[in-house]
Amino acid sequence: MNSKHTPGPWMAEEVKTSIGRAFRINDKPGQDFDNVATIYDSHTWDNKKGPVQHEANARLIASAPELLVALEELLAAAEEDGGELNDPIEKAKAAISKAKGVA
């Protein structure tokens, strides 16, 4: 299965909601619909790590397209080095396959 993702770059923006706040991952700033992803963060939670983790997760999700491109470019360069990076190359291939829905 080879899935297509929304082209990057993506950005995470904090928005106020009726339960606290959310982080919308968008490919266009200020877009109110058709988000790539949304992470909700309720201020009513007892877990004090929740808001910090949600914001960090939103940033990580938003960086996914750039991370994928960088990893693909690094993999291409590493394959030209004569085999010294075989194990990291296999890990990079697995991560790229997972990101593309092939794994």
PDB file of N, CA and C in Angstrom:
ATOM      1  N   MET A   1       0.847  -1.184   0.000  1.00  0.00           N
ATOM      2  CA  MET A   1       0.000   0.000   0.000  1.00  0.00           C
ATOM      3  C   MET A   1       0.887   1.240   0.000  1.00  0.00           C
ATOM      4  N   ASN A   2       0.708   2.073  -0.971  1.00  0.00           N
ATOM      5  CA  ASN A   2       1.479   3.307  -1.060  1.00  0.00           C
ATOM      6  C   ASN A   2       0.515   4.476  -0.939  1.00  0.00           C
ATOM      7  N   SER A   3       0.567   5.173   0.195  1.00  0.00           N
ATOM      8  CA  SER A   3      -0.368   6.273   0.416  1.00  0.00           C
ATOM      9  C   SER A   3       0.315   7.598   0.110  1.00  0.00           C
ATOM     10  N   LYS A   4      -0.488   8.559  -0.289  1.00  0.00           N
ATOM     11  CA  LYS A   4       0.022   9.908  -0.563  1.00  0.00           C
ATOM     12  C   LYS A   4      -0.332  10.791   0.631  1.00  0.00           C
ATOM     13  N   HIS A   5       0.622  11.615   1.020  1.00  0.00           N
ATOM     14  CA  HIS A   5       0.350  12.541   2.117  1.00  0.00           C
ATOM     15  C   HIS A   5       0.207  13.956   1.571  1.00  0.00           C
ATOM     16  N   THR A   6      -0.333  14.822   2.391  1.00  0.00           N
ATOM     17  CA  THR A   6      -0.458  16.229   2.033  1.00  0.00           C
ATOM     18  C   THR A   6       0.939  16.808   1.877  1.00  0.00           C
ATOM     19  N   PRO A   7       1.227  17.449   0.754  1.00  0.00           N
ATOM     20  CA  PRO A   7       2.570  17.997   0.562  1.00  0.00           C
ATOM     21  C   PRO A   7       2.907  19.024   1.640  1.00  0.00           C
ATOM     22  N   GLY A   8       4.168  19.083   2.000  1.00  0.00           N
ATOM     23  CA  GLY A   8       4.639  20.056   2.975  1.00  0.00           C
ATOM     24  C   GLY A   8       4.991  21.361   2.294  1.00  0.00           C
ATOM     25  N   PRO A   9       5.437  22.344   3.003  1.00  0.00           N
ATOM     26  CA  PRO A   9       5.665  22.250   4.432  1.00  0.00           C
ATOM     27  C   PRO A   9       4.360  22.359   5.225  1.00  0.00           C
ATOM     28  N   TRP A  10       4.400  21.764   6.406  1.00  0.00           N
ATOM     29  CA  TRP A  10       3.277  21.867   7.339  1.00  0.00           C
ATOM     30  C   TRP A  10       3.686  22.784   8.479  1.00  0.00           C
ATOM     31  N   MET A  11       2.708  23.363   9.136  1.00  0.00           N
ATOM     32  CA  MET A  11       2.983  24.169  10.318  1.00  0.00           C
ATOM     33  C   MET A  11       1.954  23.850  11.396  1.00  0.00           C
ATOM     34  N   ALA A  12       2.383  23.971  12.629  1.00  0.00           N
ATOM     35  CA  ALA A  12       1.482  23.766  13.770  1.00  0.00           C
ATOM     36  C   ALA A  12       1.097  25.137  14.300  1.00  0.00           C
ATOM     37  N   GLU A  13      -0.201  25.336  14.475  1.00  0.00           N
ATOM     38  CA  GLU A  13      -0.638  26.609  15.052  1.00  0.00           C
ATOM     39  C   GLU A  13      -1.605  26.332  16.190  1.00  0.00           C
ATOM     40  N   GLU A  14      -1.435  27.077  17.260  1.00  0.00           N
ATOM     41  CA  GLU A  14      -2.293  26.932  18.425  1.00  0.00           C
ATOM     42  C   GLU A  14      -3.581  27.708  18.193  1.00  0.00           C
ATOM     43  N   VAL A  15      -4.717  27.074  18.516  1.00  0.00           N
ATOM     44  CA  VAL A  15      -6.017  27.735  18.408  1.00  0.00           C
ATOM     45  C   VAL A  15      -6.802  27.485  19.693  1.00  0.00           C
ATOM     46  N   LYS A  16      -7.613  28.448  20.073  1.00  0.00           N
ATOM     47  CA  LYS A  16      -8.465  28.310  21.257  1.00  0.00           C
ATOM     48  C   LYS A  16      -9.697  27.491  20.896  1.00  0.00           C
ATOM     49  N   THR A  17     -10.118  26.627  21.825  1.00  0.00           N
ATOM     50  CA  THR A  17     -11.322  25.820  21.630  1.00  0.00           C
ATOM     51  C   THR A  17     -12.215  25.945  22.860  1.00  0.00           C
ATOM     52  N   SER A  18     -13.383  25.367  22.796  1.00  0.00           N
ATOM     53  CA  SER A  18     -14.300  25.420  23.930  1.00  0.00           C
ATOM     54  C   SER A  18     -13.790  24.605  25.115  1.00  0.00           C
ATOM     55  N   ILE A  19     -12.868  23.666  24.897  1.00  0.00           N
ATOM     56  CA  ILE A  19     -12.333  22.869  26.003  1.00  0.00           C
ATOM     57  C   ILE A  19     -10.919  23.283  26.391  1.00  0.00           C
ATOM     58  N   GLY A  20     -10.379  24.300  25.781  1.00  0.00           N
ATOM     59  CA  GLY A  20      -9.030  24.761  26.103  1.00  0.00           C
ATOM     60  C   GLY A  20      -8.319  25.252  24.864  1.00  0.00           C
ATOM     61  N   ARG A  21      -7.492  24.398  24.277  1.00  0.00           N
ATOM     62  CA  ARG A  21      -6.789  24.768  23.063  1.00  0.00           C
ATOM     63  C   ARG A  21      -6.564  23.516  22.222  1.00  0.00           C
ATOM     64  N   ALA A  22      -6.171  23.747  20.988  1.00  0.00           N
ATOM     65  CA  ALA A  22      -5.818  22.662  20.081  1.00  0.00           C
ATOM     66  C   ALA A  22      -4.645  23.123  19.245  1.00  0.00           C
ATOM     67  N   PHE A  23      -3.960  22.171  18.675  1.00  0.00           N
ATOM     68  CA  PHE A  23      -2.885  22.459  17.735  1.00  0.00           C
ATOM     69  C   PHE A  23      -3.307  21.882  16.399  1.00  0.00           C
ATOM     70  N   ARG A  24      -3.519  22.769  15.434  1.00  0.00           N
ATOM     71  CA  ARG A  24      -3.876  22.326  14.087  1.00  0.00           C
ATOM     72  C   ARG A  24      -2.612  22.237  13.263  1.00  0.00           C
ATOM     73  N   ILE A  25      -2.464  21.123  12.590  1.00  0.00           N
ATOM     74  CA  ILE A  25      -1.348  20.943  11.672  1.00  0.00           C
ATOM     75  C   ILE A  25      -1.919  21.210  10.288  1.00  0.00           C
ATOM     76  N   ASN A  26      -1.436  22.273   9.643  1.00  0.00           N
ATOM     77  CA  ASN A  26      -1.964  22.719   8.361  1.00  0.00           C
ATOM     78  C   ASN A  26      -0.856  22.872   7.340  1.00  0.00           C
ATOM     79  N   ASP A  27      -1.249  22.833   6.092  1.00  0.00           N
ATOM     80  CA  ASP A  27      -0.298  23.172   5.035  1.00  0.00           C
ATOM     81  C   ASP A  27      -0.476  24.616   4.598  1.00  0.00           C
ATOM     82  N   LYS A  28      -1.470  25.303   5.167  1.00  0.00           N
ATOM     83  CA  LYS A  28      -1.690  26.731   4.897  1.00  0.00           C
ATOM     84  C   LYS A  28      -2.007  27.416   6.226  1.00  0.00           C
ATOM     85  N   PRO A  29      -1.293  28.483   6.602  1.00  0.00           N
ATOM     86  CA  PRO A  29      -1.562  29.160   7.874  1.00  0.00           C
ATOM     87  C   PRO A  29      -2.986  29.704   7.939  1.00  0.00           C
ATOM     88  N   GLY A  30      -3.600  29.619   9.118  1.00  0.00           N
ATOM     89  CA  GLY A  30      -4.922  30.178   9.335  1.00  0.00           C
ATOM     90  C   GLY A  30      -6.056  29.380   8.722  1.00  0.00           C
ATOM     91  N   GLN A  31      -5.769  28.240   8.170  1.00  0.00           N
ATOM     92  CA  GLN A  31      -6.791  27.414   7.519  1.00  0.00           C
ATOM     93  C   GLN A  31      -7.694  26.803   8.586  1.00  0.00           C
ATOM     94  N   ASP A  32      -8.992  26.975   8.481  1.00  0.00           N
ATOM     95  CA  ASP A  32      -9.927  26.482   9.483  1.00  0.00           C
ATOM     96  C   ASP A  32     -10.544  25.137   9.136  1.00  0.00           C
ATOM     97  N   PHE A  33     -10.223  24.582   7.991  1.00  0.00           N
ATOM     98  CA  PHE A  33     -10.823  23.314   7.581  1.00  0.00           C
ATOM     99  C   PHE A  33      -9.789  22.499   6.832  1.00  0.00           C
ATOM    100  N   ASP A  34     -10.081  21.227   6.663  1.00  0.00           N
ATOM    101  CA  ASP A  34      -9.208  20.330   5.914  1.00  0.00           C
ATOM    102  C   ASP A  34      -7.796  20.323   6.473  1.00  0.00           C
ATOM    103  N   ASN A  35      -7.693  20.194   7.809  1.00  0.00           N
ATOM    104  CA  ASN A  35      -6.388  20.143   8.464  1.00  0.00           C
ATOM    105  C   ASN A  35      -5.693  18.836   8.138  1.00  0.00           C
ATOM    106  N   VAL A  36      -4.379  18.837   8.225  1.00  0.00           N
ATOM    107  CA  VAL A  36      -3.617  17.599   8.128  1.00  0.00           C
ATOM    108  C   VAL A  36      -3.890  16.768   9.377  1.00  0.00           C
ATOM    109  N   ALA A  37      -3.882  17.413  10.555  1.00  0.00           N
ATOM    110  CA  ALA A  37      -4.151  16.735  11.828  1.00  0.00           C
ATOM    111  C   ALA A  37      -4.514  17.787  12.867  1.00  0.00           C
ATOM    112  N   THR A  38      -5.170  17.352  13.932  1.00  0.00           N
ATOM    113  CA  THR A  38      -5.484  18.241  15.049  1.00  0.00           C
ATOM    114  C   THR A  38      -5.207  17.491  16.340  1.00  0.00           C
ATOM    115  N   ILE A  39      -4.530  18.152  17.266  1.00  0.00           N
ATOM    116  CA  ILE A  39      -4.281  17.594  18.589  1.00  0.00           C
ATOM    117  C   ILE A  39      -5.002  18.492  19.585  1.00  0.00           C
ATOM    118  N   TYR A  40      -5.937  17.913  20.335  1.00  0.00           N
ATOM    119  CA  TYR A  40      -6.700  18.679  21.313  1.00  0.00           C
ATOM    120  C   TYR A  40      -6.013  18.622  22.665  1.00  0.00           C
ATOM    121  N   ASP A  41      -6.035  19.733  23.373  1.00  0.00           N
ATOM    122  CA  ASP A  41      -5.377  19.863  24.668  1.00  0.00           C
ATOM    123  C   ASP A  41      -6.347  20.560  25.617  1.00  0.00           C
ATOM    124  N   SER A  42      -6.978  19.798  26.495  1.00  0.00           N
ATOM    125  CA  SER A  42      -7.938  20.359  27.432  1.00  0.00           C
ATOM    126  C   SER A  42      -7.226  20.851  28.686  1.00  0.00           C
ATOM    127  N   HIS A  43      -7.558  22.069  29.105  1.00  0.00           N
ATOM    128  CA  HIS A  43      -6.972  22.610  30.336  1.00  0.00           C
ATOM    129  C   HIS A  43      -7.569  21.974  31.583  1.00  0.00           C
ATOM    130  N   THR A  44      -8.576  21.147  31.415  1.00  0.00           N
ATOM    131  CA  THR A  44      -9.204  20.519  32.575  1.00  0.00           C
ATOM    132  C   THR A  44      -8.496  19.238  32.991  1.00  0.00           C
ATOM    133  N   TRP A  45      -7.523  18.801  32.251  1.00  0.00           N
ATOM    134  CA  TRP A  45      -6.819  17.559  32.581  1.00  0.00           C
ATOM    135  C   TRP A  45      -5.960  17.744  33.823  1.00  0.00           C
ATOM    136  N   ASP A  46      -5.807  16.670  34.594  1.00  0.00           N
ATOM    137  CA  ASP A  46      -4.926  16.690  35.757  1.00  0.00           C
ATOM    138  C   ASP A  46      -3.476  16.446  35.354  1.00  0.00           C
ATOM    139  N   ASN A  47      -3.258  15.852  34.211  1.00  0.00           N
ATOM    140  CA  ASN A  47      -1.915  15.538  33.743  1.00  0.00           C
ATOM    141  C   ASN A  47      -1.225  16.821  33.295  1.00  0.00           C
ATOM    142  N   LYS A  48      -0.285  17.305  34.098  1.00  0.00           N
ATOM    143  CA  LYS A  48       0.388  18.570  33.777  1.00  0.00           C
ATOM    144  C   LYS A  48       1.330  18.435  32.591  1.00  0.00           C
ATOM    145  N   LYS A  49       1.751  17.210  32.230  1.00  0.00           N
ATOM    146  CA  LYS A  49       2.605  17.023  31.076  1.00  0.00           C
ATOM    147  C   LYS A  49       1.807  17.097  29.783  1.00  0.00           C
ATOM    148  N   GLY A  50       0.510  16.881  29.837  1.00  0.00           N
ATOM    149  CA  GLY A  50      -0.320  16.849  28.637  1.00  0.00           C
ATOM    150  C   GLY A  50      -0.116  18.036  27.713  1.00  0.00           C
ATOM    151  N   PRO A  51      -0.274  19.272  28.186  1.00  0.00           N
ATOM    152  CA  PRO A  51      -0.125  20.426  27.296  1.00  0.00           C
ATOM    153  C   PRO A  51       1.256  20.524  26.662  1.00  0.00           C
ATOM    154  N   VAL A  52       2.289  20.227  27.428  1.00  0.00           N
ATOM    155  CA  VAL A  52       3.650  20.289  26.902  1.00  0.00           C
ATOM    156  C   VAL A  52       3.851  19.205  25.850  1.00  0.00           C
ATOM    157  N   GLN A  53       3.374  17.994  26.136  1.00  0.00           N
ATOM    158  CA  GLN A  53       3.525  16.895  25.191  1.00  0.00           C
ATOM    159  C   GLN A  53       2.720  17.141  23.927  1.00  0.00           C
ATOM    160  N   HIS A  54       1.524  17.688  24.052  1.00  0.00           N
ATOM    161  CA  HIS A  54       0.698  17.947  22.868  1.00  0.00           C
ATOM    162  C   HIS A  54       1.350  18.969  21.954  1.00  0.00           C
ATOM    163  N   GLU A  55       1.917  20.008  22.538  1.00  0.00           N
ATOM    164  CA  GLU A  55       2.591  21.017  21.717  1.00  0.00           C
ATOM    165  C   GLU A  55       3.822  20.413  21.028  1.00  0.00           C
ATOM    166  N   ALA A  56       4.596  19.603  21.759  1.00  0.00           N
ATOM    167  CA  ALA A  56       5.768  18.952  21.169  1.00  0.00           C
ATOM    168  C   ALA A  56       5.349  17.977  20.069  1.00  0.00           C
ATOM    169  N   ASN A  57       4.280  17.227  20.296  1.00  0.00           N
ATOM    170  CA  ASN A  57       3.788  16.299  19.281  1.00  0.00           C
ATOM    171  C   ASN A  57       3.337  17.041  18.028  1.00  0.00           C
ATOM    172  N   ALA A  58       2.686  18.175  18.218  1.00  0.00           N
ATOM    173  CA  ALA A  58       2.232  18.973  17.065  1.00  0.00           C
ATOM    174  C   ALA A  58       3.425  19.448  16.243  1.00  0.00           C
ATOM    175  N   ARG A  59       4.485  19.888  16.919  1.00  0.00           N
ATOM    176  CA  ARG A  59       5.691  20.314  16.189  1.00  0.00           C
ATOM    177  C   ARG A  59       6.324  19.151  15.437  1.00  0.00           C
ATOM    178  N   LEU A  60       6.360  17.971  16.072  1.00  0.00           N
ATOM    179  CA  LEU A  60       6.939  16.797  15.421  1.00  0.00           C
ATOM    180  C   LEU A  60       6.131  16.393  14.192  1.00  0.00           C
ATOM    181  N   ILE A  61       4.813  16.379  14.315  1.00  0.00           N
ATOM    182  CA  ILE A  61       3.958  16.048  13.171  1.00  0.00           C
ATOM    183  C   ILE A  61       4.155  17.059  12.051  1.00  0.00           C
ATOM    184  N   ALA A  62       4.215  18.339  12.407  1.00  0.00           N
ATOM    185  CA  ALA A  62       4.371  19.385  11.393  1.00  0.00           C
ATOM    186  C   ALA A  62       5.704  19.275  10.665  1.00  0.00           C
ATOM    187  N   SER A  63       6.720  18.703  11.311  1.00  0.00           N
ATOM    188  CA  SER A  63       8.035  18.579  10.675  1.00  0.00           C
ATOM    189  C   SER A  63       8.153  17.336   9.799  1.00  0.00           C
ATOM    190  N   ALA A  64       7.146  16.477   9.788  1.00  0.00           N
ATOM    191  CA  ALA A  64       7.232  15.193   9.079  1.00  0.00           C
ATOM    192  C   ALA A  64       7.614  15.316   7.605  1.00  0.00           C
ATOM    193  N   PRO A  65       7.013  16.199   6.813  1.00  0.00           N
ATOM    194  CA  PRO A  65       7.407  16.262   5.402  1.00  0.00           C
ATOM    195  C   PRO A  65       8.882  16.618   5.207  1.00  0.00           C
ATOM    196  N   GLU A  66       9.378  17.581   5.987  1.00  0.00           N
ATOM    197  CA  GLU A  66      10.782  17.964   5.867  1.00  0.00           C
ATOM    198  C   GLU A  66      11.704  16.847   6.351  1.00  0.00           C
ATOM    199  N   LEU A  67      11.310  16.152   7.422  1.00  0.00           N
ATOM    200  CA  LEU A  67      12.114  15.038   7.905  1.00  0.00           C
ATOM    201  C   LEU A  67      12.197  13.931   6.858  1.00  0.00           C
ATOM    202  N   LEU A  68      11.091  13.656   6.196  1.00  0.00           N
ATOM    203  CA  LEU A  68      11.076  12.621   5.167  1.00  0.00           C
ATOM    204  C   LEU A  68      12.009  12.987   4.015  1.00  0.00           C
ATOM    205  N   VAL A  69      11.939  14.220   3.539  1.00  0.00           N
ATOM    206  CA  VAL A  69      12.802  14.657   2.436  1.00  0.00           C
ATOM    207  C   VAL A  69      14.271  14.598   2.862  1.00  0.00           C
ATOM    208  N   ALA A  70      14.577  15.097   4.062  1.00  0.00           N
ATOM    209  CA  ALA A  70      15.958  15.093   4.535  1.00  0.00           C
ATOM    210  C   ALA A  70      16.489  13.668   4.655  1.00  0.00           C
ATOM    211  N   LEU A  71      15.671  12.762   5.150  1.00  0.00           N
ATOM    212  CA  LEU A  71      16.091  11.378   5.296  1.00  0.00           C
ATOM    213  C   LEU A  71      16.303  10.723   3.935  1.00  0.00           C
ATOM    214  N   GLU A  72      15.447  11.012   2.982  1.00  0.00           N
ATOM    215  CA  GLU A  72      15.622  10.470   1.630  1.00  0.00           C
ATOM    216  C   GLU A  72      16.914  10.987   0.995  1.00  0.00           C
ATOM    217  N   GLU A  73      17.203  12.281   1.168  1.00  0.00           N
ATOM    218  CA  GLU A  73      18.431  12.854   0.610  1.00  0.00           C
ATOM    219  C   GLU A  73      19.671  12.289   1.306  1.00  0.00           C
ATOM    220  N   LEU A  74      19.607  12.128   2.625  1.00  0.00           N
ATOM    221  CA  LEU A  74      20.712  11.556   3.376  1.00  0.00           C
ATOM    222  C   LEU A  74      20.958  10.111   2.948  1.00  0.00           C
ATOM    223  N   LEU A  75      19.897   9.368   2.757  1.00  0.00           N
ATOM    224  CA  LEU A  75      20.002   7.987   2.314  1.00  0.00           C
ATOM    225  C   LEU A  75      20.682   7.902   0.944  1.00  0.00           C
ATOM    226  N   ALA A  76      20.295   8.756   0.026  1.00  0.00           N
ATOM    227  CA  ALA A  76      20.890   8.754  -1.306  1.00  0.00           C
ATOM    228  C   ALA A  76      22.387   9.050  -1.230  1.00  0.00           C
ATOM    229  N   ALA A  77      22.774  10.018  -0.395  1.00  0.00           N
ATOM    230  CA  ALA A  77      24.191  10.350  -0.246  1.00  0.00           C
ATOM    231  C   ALA A  77      24.957   9.221   0.445  1.00  0.00           C
ATOM    232  N   ALA A  78      24.354   8.602   1.455  1.00  0.00           N
ATOM    233  CA  ALA A  78      25.021   7.534   2.200  1.00  0.00           C
ATOM    234  C   ALA A  78      25.238   6.295   1.343  1.00  0.00           C
ATOM    235  N   GLU A  79      24.319   6.013   0.428  1.00  0.00           N
ATOM    236  CA  GLU A  79      24.455   4.837  -0.428  1.00  0.00           C
ATOM    237  C   GLU A  79      25.652   4.967  -1.369  1.00  0.00           C
ATOM    238  N   GLU A  80      26.136   6.182  -1.570  1.00  0.00           N
ATOM    239  CA  GLU A  80      27.284   6.424  -2.432  1.00  0.00           C
ATOM    240  C   GLU A  80      28.613   6.296  -1.686  1.00  0.00           C
ATOM    241  N   ASP A  81      28.586   6.057  -0.355  1.00  0.00           N
ATOM    242  CA  ASP A  81      29.825   6.090   0.434  1.00  0.00           C
ATOM    243  C   ASP A  81      30.580   4.762   0.474  1.00  0.00           C
ATOM    244  N   GLY A  82      30.112   3.724  -0.183  1.00  0.00           N
ATOM    245  CA  GLY A  82      30.828   2.462  -0.242  1.00  0.00           C
ATOM    246  C   GLY A  82      30.454   1.450   0.811  1.00  0.00           C
ATOM    247  N   GLY A  83      29.358   1.611   1.514  1.00  0.00           N
ATOM    248  CA  GLY A  83      28.870   0.572   2.414  1.00  0.00           C
ATOM    249  C   GLY A  83      29.169   0.740   3.888  1.00  0.00           C
ATOM    250  N   GLU A  84      29.852   1.802   4.292  1.00  0.00           N
ATOM    251  CA  GLU A  84      30.173   1.972   5.708  1.00  0.00           C
ATOM    252  C   GLU A  84      28.945   2.268   6.559  1.00  0.00           C
ATOM    253  N   LEU A  85      27.888   2.701   5.956  1.00  0.00           N
ATOM    254  CA  LEU A  85      26.678   3.083   6.704  1.00  0.00           C
ATOM    255  C   LEU A  85      25.528   2.111   6.457  1.00  0.00           C
ATOM    256  N   ASN A  86      25.826   0.824   6.228  1.00  0.00           N
ATOM    257  CA  ASN A  86      24.778  -0.134   5.875  1.00  0.00           C
ATOM    258  C   ASN A  86      23.659  -0.223   6.909  1.00  0.00           C
ATOM    259  N   ASP A  87      23.983  -0.334   8.205  1.00  0.00           N
ATOM    260  CA  ASP A  87      22.946  -0.463   9.226  1.00  0.00           C
ATOM    261  C   ASP A  87      22.076   0.795   9.302  1.00  0.00           C
ATOM    262  N   PRO A  88      22.671   2.002   9.373  1.00  0.00           N
ATOM    263  CA  PRO A  88      21.824   3.203   9.360  1.00  0.00           C
ATOM    264  C   PRO A  88      21.002   3.335   8.079  1.00  0.00           C
ATOM    265  N   ILE A  89      21.551   2.870   6.959  1.00  0.00           N
ATOM    266  CA  ILE A  89      20.804   2.927   5.701  1.00  0.00           C
ATOM    267  C   ILE A  89      19.571   2.045   5.780  1.00  0.00           C
ATOM    268  N   GLU A  90      19.710   0.857   6.346  1.00  0.00           N
ATOM    269  CA  GLU A  90      18.557  -0.046   6.475  1.00  0.00           C
ATOM    270  C   GLU A  90      17.497   0.555   7.404  1.00  0.00           C
ATOM    271  N   LYS A  91      17.937   1.202   8.473  1.00  0.00           N
ATOM    272  CA  LYS A  91      16.997   1.865   9.381  1.00  0.00           C
ATOM    273  C   LYS A  91      16.289   3.017   8.674  1.00  0.00           C
ATOM    274  N   ALA A  92      17.036   3.769   7.869  1.00  0.00           N
ATOM    275  CA  ALA A  92      16.442   4.888   7.133  1.00  0.00           C
ATOM    276  C   ALA A  92      15.421   4.376   6.128  1.00  0.00           C
ATOM    277  N   LYS A  93      15.763   3.287   5.435  1.00  0.00           N
ATOM    278  CA  LYS A  93      14.815   2.700   4.475  1.00  0.00           C
ATOM    279  C   LYS A  93      13.533   2.261   5.165  1.00  0.00           C
ATOM    280  N   ALA A  94      13.652   1.656   6.334  1.00  0.00           N
ATOM    281  CA  ALA A  94      12.477   1.209   7.074  1.00  0.00           C
ATOM    282  C   ALA A  94      11.610   2.393   7.514  1.00  0.00           C
ATOM    283  N   ALA A  95      12.272   3.472   7.969  1.00  0.00           N
ATOM    284  CA  ALA A  95      11.523   4.663   8.404  1.00  0.00           C
ATOM    285  C   ALA A  95      10.807   5.318   7.233  1.00  0.00           C
ATOM    286  N   ILE A  96      11.471   5.378   6.091  1.00  0.00           N
ATOM    287  CA  ILE A  96      10.849   5.966   4.901  1.00  0.00           C
ATOM    288  C   ILE A  96       9.661   5.120   4.458  1.00  0.00           C
ATOM    289  N   SER A  97       9.819   3.791   4.470  1.00  0.00           N
ATOM    290  CA  SER A  97       8.712   2.901   4.099  1.00  0.00           C
ATOM    291  C   SER A  97       7.528   3.091   5.037  1.00  0.00           C
ATOM    292  N   LYS A  98       7.795   3.206   6.337  1.00  0.00           N
ATOM    293  CA  LYS A  98       6.719   3.424   7.306  1.00  0.00           C
ATOM    294  C   LYS A  98       6.012   4.745   7.047  1.00  0.00           C
ATOM    295  N   ALA A  99       6.780   5.810   6.794  1.00  0.00           N
ATOM    296  CA  ALA A  99       6.178   7.126   6.536  1.00  0.00           C
ATOM    297  C   ALA A  99       5.325   7.127   5.281  1.00  0.00           C
ATOM    298  N   LYS A 100       5.724   6.331   4.298  1.00  0.00           N
ATOM    299  CA  LYS A 100       4.984   6.271   3.031  1.00  0.00           C
ATOM    300  C   LYS A 100       3.882   5.210   3.052  1.00  0.00           C
ATOM    301  N   GLY A 101       3.766   4.452   4.152  1.00  0.00           N
ATOM    302  CA  GLY A 101       2.722   3.440   4.261  1.00  0.00           C
ATOM    303  C   GLY A 101       3.048   2.157   3.518  1.00  0.00           C
ATOM    304  N   VAL A 102       4.313   1.900   3.280  1.00  0.00           N
ATOM    305  CA  VAL A 102       4.735   0.716   2.543  1.00  0.00           C
ATOM    306  C   VAL A 102       5.094  -0.418   3.494  1.00  0.00           C
ATOM    307  N   ALA A 103       5.496  -0.083   4.714  1.00  0.00           N
ATOM    308  CA  ALA A 103       5.953  -1.097   5.672  1.00  0.00           C
ATOM    309  C   ALA A 103       4.814  -1.926   6.224  1.00  0.00           C
TER     310      ALA A 103
END
